[in-house]
Amino acid sequence: MLTKAREQAGTNKVWMKSAVLERYLKNYPEARSLLEEARKRYPTFDKLWMISGQLEEDMKDYQKAREYYQLGVGIFFFFFFFFFLVIKD
């Protein structure tokens, strides 16, 4: 069902939920593949980077998890401060 949703709607949240489901089912290779594709399609969606970090933690690759967390936090703060500056003016 989520495969069809990705094909038809293809929103960032559909991709995120697909990856979260695969992670929950412990189908880590499929979750990793979905997250890689989703990050290519939606590179500014910080939640995808954070979920990638969680997946790598599950797989005990703490260095890679740290890298994903840093990227996700960086994206969040960039858009937060950009938004703040736009509203301030």
N, C-alpha and C. Protein backbone atom coordinates (compact mmCIF):
# COMPACT_ATOMS: atom_id res chain seq x y z
N MET A 1 0.82 -1.19 0.00
CA MET A 1 0.00 0.00 0.00
C MET A 1 0.87 1.26 0.00
N LEU A 2 1.93 1.27 0.82
CA LEU A 2 2.80 2.44 0.85
C LEU A 2 3.59 2.59 -0.44
N THR A 3 3.88 1.48 -1.10
CA THR A 3 4.56 1.56 -2.39
C THR A 3 3.69 2.33 -3.38
N LYS A 4 2.42 2.00 -3.40
CA LYS A 4 1.48 2.68 -4.29
C LYS A 4 1.37 4.16 -3.91
N ALA A 5 1.34 4.44 -2.62
CA ALA A 5 1.25 5.83 -2.15
C ALA A 5 2.49 6.62 -2.58
N ARG A 6 3.67 5.98 -2.49
CA ARG A 6 4.90 6.67 -2.93
C ARG A 6 4.85 6.98 -4.41
N GLU A 7 4.30 6.05 -5.19
CA GLU A 7 4.22 6.24 -6.64
C GLU A 7 3.21 7.31 -7.01
N GLN A 8 2.08 7.35 -6.31
CA GLN A 8 1.01 8.27 -6.69
C GLN A 8 1.15 9.64 -6.03
N ALA A 9 1.34 9.68 -4.73
CA ALA A 9 1.43 10.96 -4.03
C ALA A 9 2.88 11.39 -3.90
N GLY A 10 3.70 10.49 -3.39
CA GLY A 10 5.13 10.73 -3.30
C GLY A 10 5.52 11.92 -2.44
N THR A 11 4.76 12.21 -1.40
CA THR A 11 5.12 13.32 -0.52
C THR A 11 6.24 12.90 0.43
N ASN A 12 6.88 13.88 1.04
CA ASN A 12 7.96 13.57 1.97
C ASN A 12 7.47 12.73 3.15
N LYS A 13 6.25 12.96 3.59
CA LYS A 13 5.73 12.20 4.73
C LYS A 13 5.42 10.75 4.36
N VAL A 14 4.98 10.51 3.15
CA VAL A 14 4.74 9.13 2.71
C VAL A 14 6.06 8.37 2.67
N TRP A 15 7.10 9.00 2.15
CA TRP A 15 8.41 8.36 2.12
C TRP A 15 8.91 8.10 3.54
N MET A 16 8.71 9.09 4.42
CA MET A 16 9.16 8.94 5.81
C MET A 16 8.43 7.78 6.48
N LYS A 17 7.12 7.72 6.33
CA LYS A 17 6.34 6.65 6.98
C LYS A 17 6.70 5.27 6.42
N SER A 18 7.02 5.21 5.15
CA SER A 18 7.45 3.94 4.55
C SER A 18 8.74 3.46 5.20
N ALA A 19 9.69 4.37 5.36
CA ALA A 19 10.97 4.00 5.98
C ALA A 19 10.79 3.63 7.44
N VAL A 20 9.95 4.37 8.15
CA VAL A 20 9.70 4.07 9.56
C VAL A 20 9.08 2.69 9.72
N LEU A 21 8.14 2.35 8.84
CA LEU A 21 7.53 1.02 8.89
C LEU A 21 8.57 -0.07 8.68
N GLU A 22 9.42 0.08 7.68
CA GLU A 22 10.46 -0.93 7.42
C GLU A 22 11.44 -1.02 8.60
N ARG A 23 11.75 0.10 9.19
CA ARG A 23 12.63 0.08 10.38
C ARG A 23 11.95 -0.66 11.53
N TYR A 24 10.69 -0.39 11.74
CA TYR A 24 9.93 -1.07 12.80
C TYR A 24 9.90 -2.58 12.57
N LEU A 25 9.80 -2.98 11.31
CA LEU A 25 9.78 -4.41 10.96
C LEU A 25 11.18 -5.02 10.94
N LYS A 26 12.18 -4.19 11.23
CA LYS A 26 13.59 -4.59 11.25
C LYS A 26 14.08 -5.02 9.88
N ASN A 27 13.48 -4.49 8.86
CA ASN A 27 13.93 -4.71 7.49
C ASN A 27 14.88 -3.55 7.16
N TYR A 28 16.05 -3.59 7.76
CA TYR A 28 16.99 -2.47 7.69
C TYR A 28 17.49 -2.15 6.29
N PRO A 29 17.81 -3.15 5.46
CA PRO A 29 18.26 -2.78 4.10
C PRO A 29 17.20 -2.01 3.31
N GLU A 30 15.95 -2.43 3.43
CA GLU A 30 14.87 -1.73 2.72
C GLU A 30 14.66 -0.33 3.30
N ALA A 31 14.72 -0.21 4.62
CA ALA A 31 14.58 1.10 5.26
C ALA A 31 15.70 2.04 4.82
N ARG A 32 16.90 1.52 4.77
CA ARG A 32 18.05 2.33 4.33
C ARG A 32 17.87 2.77 2.87
N SER A 33 17.42 1.86 2.03
CA SER A 33 17.21 2.19 0.62
C SER A 33 16.13 3.27 0.47
N LEU A 34 15.03 3.13 1.20
CA LEU A 34 13.96 4.13 1.13
C LEU A 34 14.45 5.49 1.62
N LEU A 35 15.22 5.49 2.69
CA LEU A 35 15.72 6.76 3.22
C LEU A 35 16.70 7.42 2.26
N GLU A 36 17.54 6.63 1.62
CA GLU A 36 18.48 7.20 0.64
C GLU A 36 17.72 7.89 -0.48
N GLU A 37 16.72 7.22 -1.01
CA GLU A 37 15.93 7.80 -2.10
C GLU A 37 15.15 9.02 -1.61
N ALA A 38 14.58 8.92 -0.43
CA ALA A 38 13.80 10.05 0.11
C ALA A 38 14.69 11.27 0.36
N ARG A 39 15.91 11.05 0.85
CA ARG A 39 16.81 12.19 1.08
C ARG A 39 17.23 12.85 -0.23
N LYS A 40 17.31 12.06 -1.30
CA LYS A 40 17.61 12.64 -2.61
C LYS A 40 16.45 13.50 -3.09
N ARG A 41 15.24 13.03 -2.87
CA ARG A 41 14.05 13.76 -3.32
C ARG A 41 13.76 14.97 -2.44
N TYR A 42 13.99 14.84 -1.14
CA TYR A 42 13.64 15.89 -0.18
C TYR A 42 14.82 16.17 0.75
N PRO A 43 15.89 16.73 0.23
CA PRO A 43 17.10 16.92 1.04
C PRO A 43 16.95 17.90 2.20
N THR A 44 15.93 18.73 2.17
CA THR A 44 15.75 19.71 3.25
C THR A 44 14.76 19.23 4.32
N PHE A 45 14.23 18.03 4.18
CA PHE A 45 13.28 17.49 5.18
C PHE A 45 14.10 16.85 6.29
N ASP A 46 14.30 17.61 7.36
CA ASP A 46 15.22 17.21 8.43
C ASP A 46 14.84 15.88 9.10
N LYS A 47 13.58 15.55 9.15
CA LYS A 47 13.17 14.30 9.81
C LYS A 47 13.77 13.07 9.12
N LEU A 48 13.93 13.14 7.80
CA LEU A 48 14.54 12.00 7.10
C LEU A 48 15.97 11.76 7.56
N TRP A 49 16.70 12.85 7.82
CA TRP A 49 18.08 12.72 8.29
C TRP A 49 18.10 12.17 9.71
N MET A 50 17.16 12.60 10.55
CA MET A 50 17.12 12.12 11.92
C MET A 50 16.73 10.63 11.98
N ILE A 51 15.79 10.23 11.15
CA ILE A 51 15.40 8.82 11.11
C ILE A 51 16.55 7.97 10.58
N SER A 52 17.31 8.52 9.64
CA SER A 52 18.50 7.82 9.15
C SER A 52 19.48 7.59 10.30
N GLY A 53 19.62 8.59 11.17
CA GLY A 53 20.47 8.43 12.34
C GLY A 53 19.97 7.34 13.26
N GLN A 54 18.67 7.29 13.48
CA GLN A 54 18.09 6.25 14.34
C GLN A 54 18.31 4.86 13.74
N LEU A 55 18.16 4.76 12.43
CA LEU A 55 18.38 3.48 11.76
C LEU A 55 19.82 3.02 11.95
N GLU A 56 20.76 3.93 11.76
CA GLU A 56 22.17 3.58 11.93
C GLU A 56 22.48 3.20 13.38
N GLU A 57 21.82 3.84 14.31
CA GLU A 57 21.98 3.44 15.72
C GLU A 57 21.49 2.02 15.93
N ASP A 58 20.33 1.69 15.35
CA ASP A 58 19.81 0.32 15.44
C ASP A 58 20.81 -0.69 14.90
N MET A 59 21.55 -0.27 13.87
CA MET A 59 22.51 -1.15 13.23
C MET A 59 23.90 -1.04 13.87
N LYS A 60 24.00 -0.28 14.96
CA LYS A 60 25.23 -0.13 15.75
C LYS A 60 26.34 0.62 15.01
N ASP A 61 25.98 1.42 14.01
CA ASP A 61 26.97 2.24 13.32
C ASP A 61 26.83 3.67 13.86
N TYR A 62 27.46 3.89 15.01
CA TYR A 62 27.26 5.13 15.74
C TYR A 62 27.92 6.33 15.05
N GLN A 63 29.00 6.12 14.34
CA GLN A 63 29.65 7.21 13.63
C GLN A 63 28.74 7.75 12.52
N LYS A 64 28.17 6.84 11.75
CA LYS A 64 27.27 7.25 10.68
C LYS A 64 26.01 7.90 11.27
N ALA A 65 25.52 7.35 12.37
CA ALA A 65 24.35 7.94 13.03
C ALA A 65 24.64 9.38 13.43
N ARG A 66 25.81 9.62 14.00
CA ARG A 66 26.20 10.97 14.40
C ARG A 66 26.22 11.92 13.20
N GLU A 67 26.73 11.45 12.09
CA GLU A 67 26.79 12.28 10.88
C GLU A 67 25.38 12.67 10.42
N TYR A 68 24.48 11.70 10.40
CA TYR A 68 23.11 11.99 9.99
C TYR A 68 22.43 12.97 10.96
N TYR A 69 22.64 12.78 12.25
CA TYR A 69 22.05 13.69 13.24
C TYR A 69 22.58 15.11 13.04
N GLN A 70 23.87 15.23 12.79
CA GLN A 70 24.45 16.56 12.59
C GLN A 70 23.87 17.23 11.35
N LEU A 71 23.69 16.48 10.29
CA LEU A 71 23.10 17.04 9.07
C LEU A 71 21.64 17.45 9.32
N GLY A 72 20.89 16.62 10.02
CA GLY A 72 19.49 16.93 10.31
C GLY A 72 19.33 18.16 11.17
N VAL A 73 20.16 18.27 12.19
CA VAL A 73 20.11 19.44 13.07
C VAL A 73 20.53 20.69 12.31
N GLY A 74 21.53 20.58 11.46
CA GLY A 74 21.98 21.71 10.67
C GLY A 74 20.89 22.23 9.75
N ILE A 75 20.17 21.33 9.11
CA ILE A 75 19.08 21.72 8.22
C ILE A 75 17.99 22.42 9.02
N PHE A 76 17.64 21.86 10.18
CA PHE A 76 16.60 22.46 11.01
C PHE A 76 16.97 23.88 11.40
N PHE A 77 18.18 24.08 11.91
CA PHE A 77 18.57 25.41 12.37
C PHE A 77 18.70 26.39 11.22
N PHE A 78 19.14 25.94 10.07
CA PHE A 78 19.23 26.83 8.92
C PHE A 78 17.85 27.40 8.59
N PHE A 79 16.85 26.53 8.48
CA PHE A 79 15.52 27.00 8.14
C PHE A 79 14.86 27.75 9.28
N PHE A 80 15.14 27.39 10.50
CA PHE A 80 14.59 28.11 11.65
C PHE A 80 15.09 29.54 11.65
N PHE A 81 16.39 29.75 11.50
CA PHE A 81 16.93 31.10 11.52
C PHE A 81 16.54 31.89 10.28
N PHE A 82 16.46 31.22 9.13
CA PHE A 82 16.01 31.88 7.91
C PHE A 82 14.59 32.39 8.10
N PHE A 83 13.72 31.55 8.63
CA PHE A 83 12.33 31.91 8.88
C PHE A 83 12.26 33.08 9.87
N PHE A 84 13.05 33.01 10.92
CA PHE A 84 13.08 34.06 11.94
C PHE A 84 13.50 35.40 11.32
N LEU A 85 14.49 35.39 10.47
CA LEU A 85 14.95 36.62 9.84
C LEU A 85 13.91 37.20 8.89
N VAL A 86 13.21 36.34 8.18
CA VAL A 86 12.18 36.82 7.25
C VAL A 86 11.03 37.46 8.01
N ILE A 87 10.59 36.84 9.09
CA ILE A 87 9.48 37.36 9.89
C ILE A 87 9.88 38.66 10.59
N LYS A 88 11.12 38.72 11.03
CA LYS A 88 11.60 39.89 11.76
C LYS A 88 11.51 41.15 10.91
N ASP A 89 11.76 41.04 9.63
CA ASP A 89 11.72 42.21 8.73
C ASP A 89 10.34 42.52 8.37
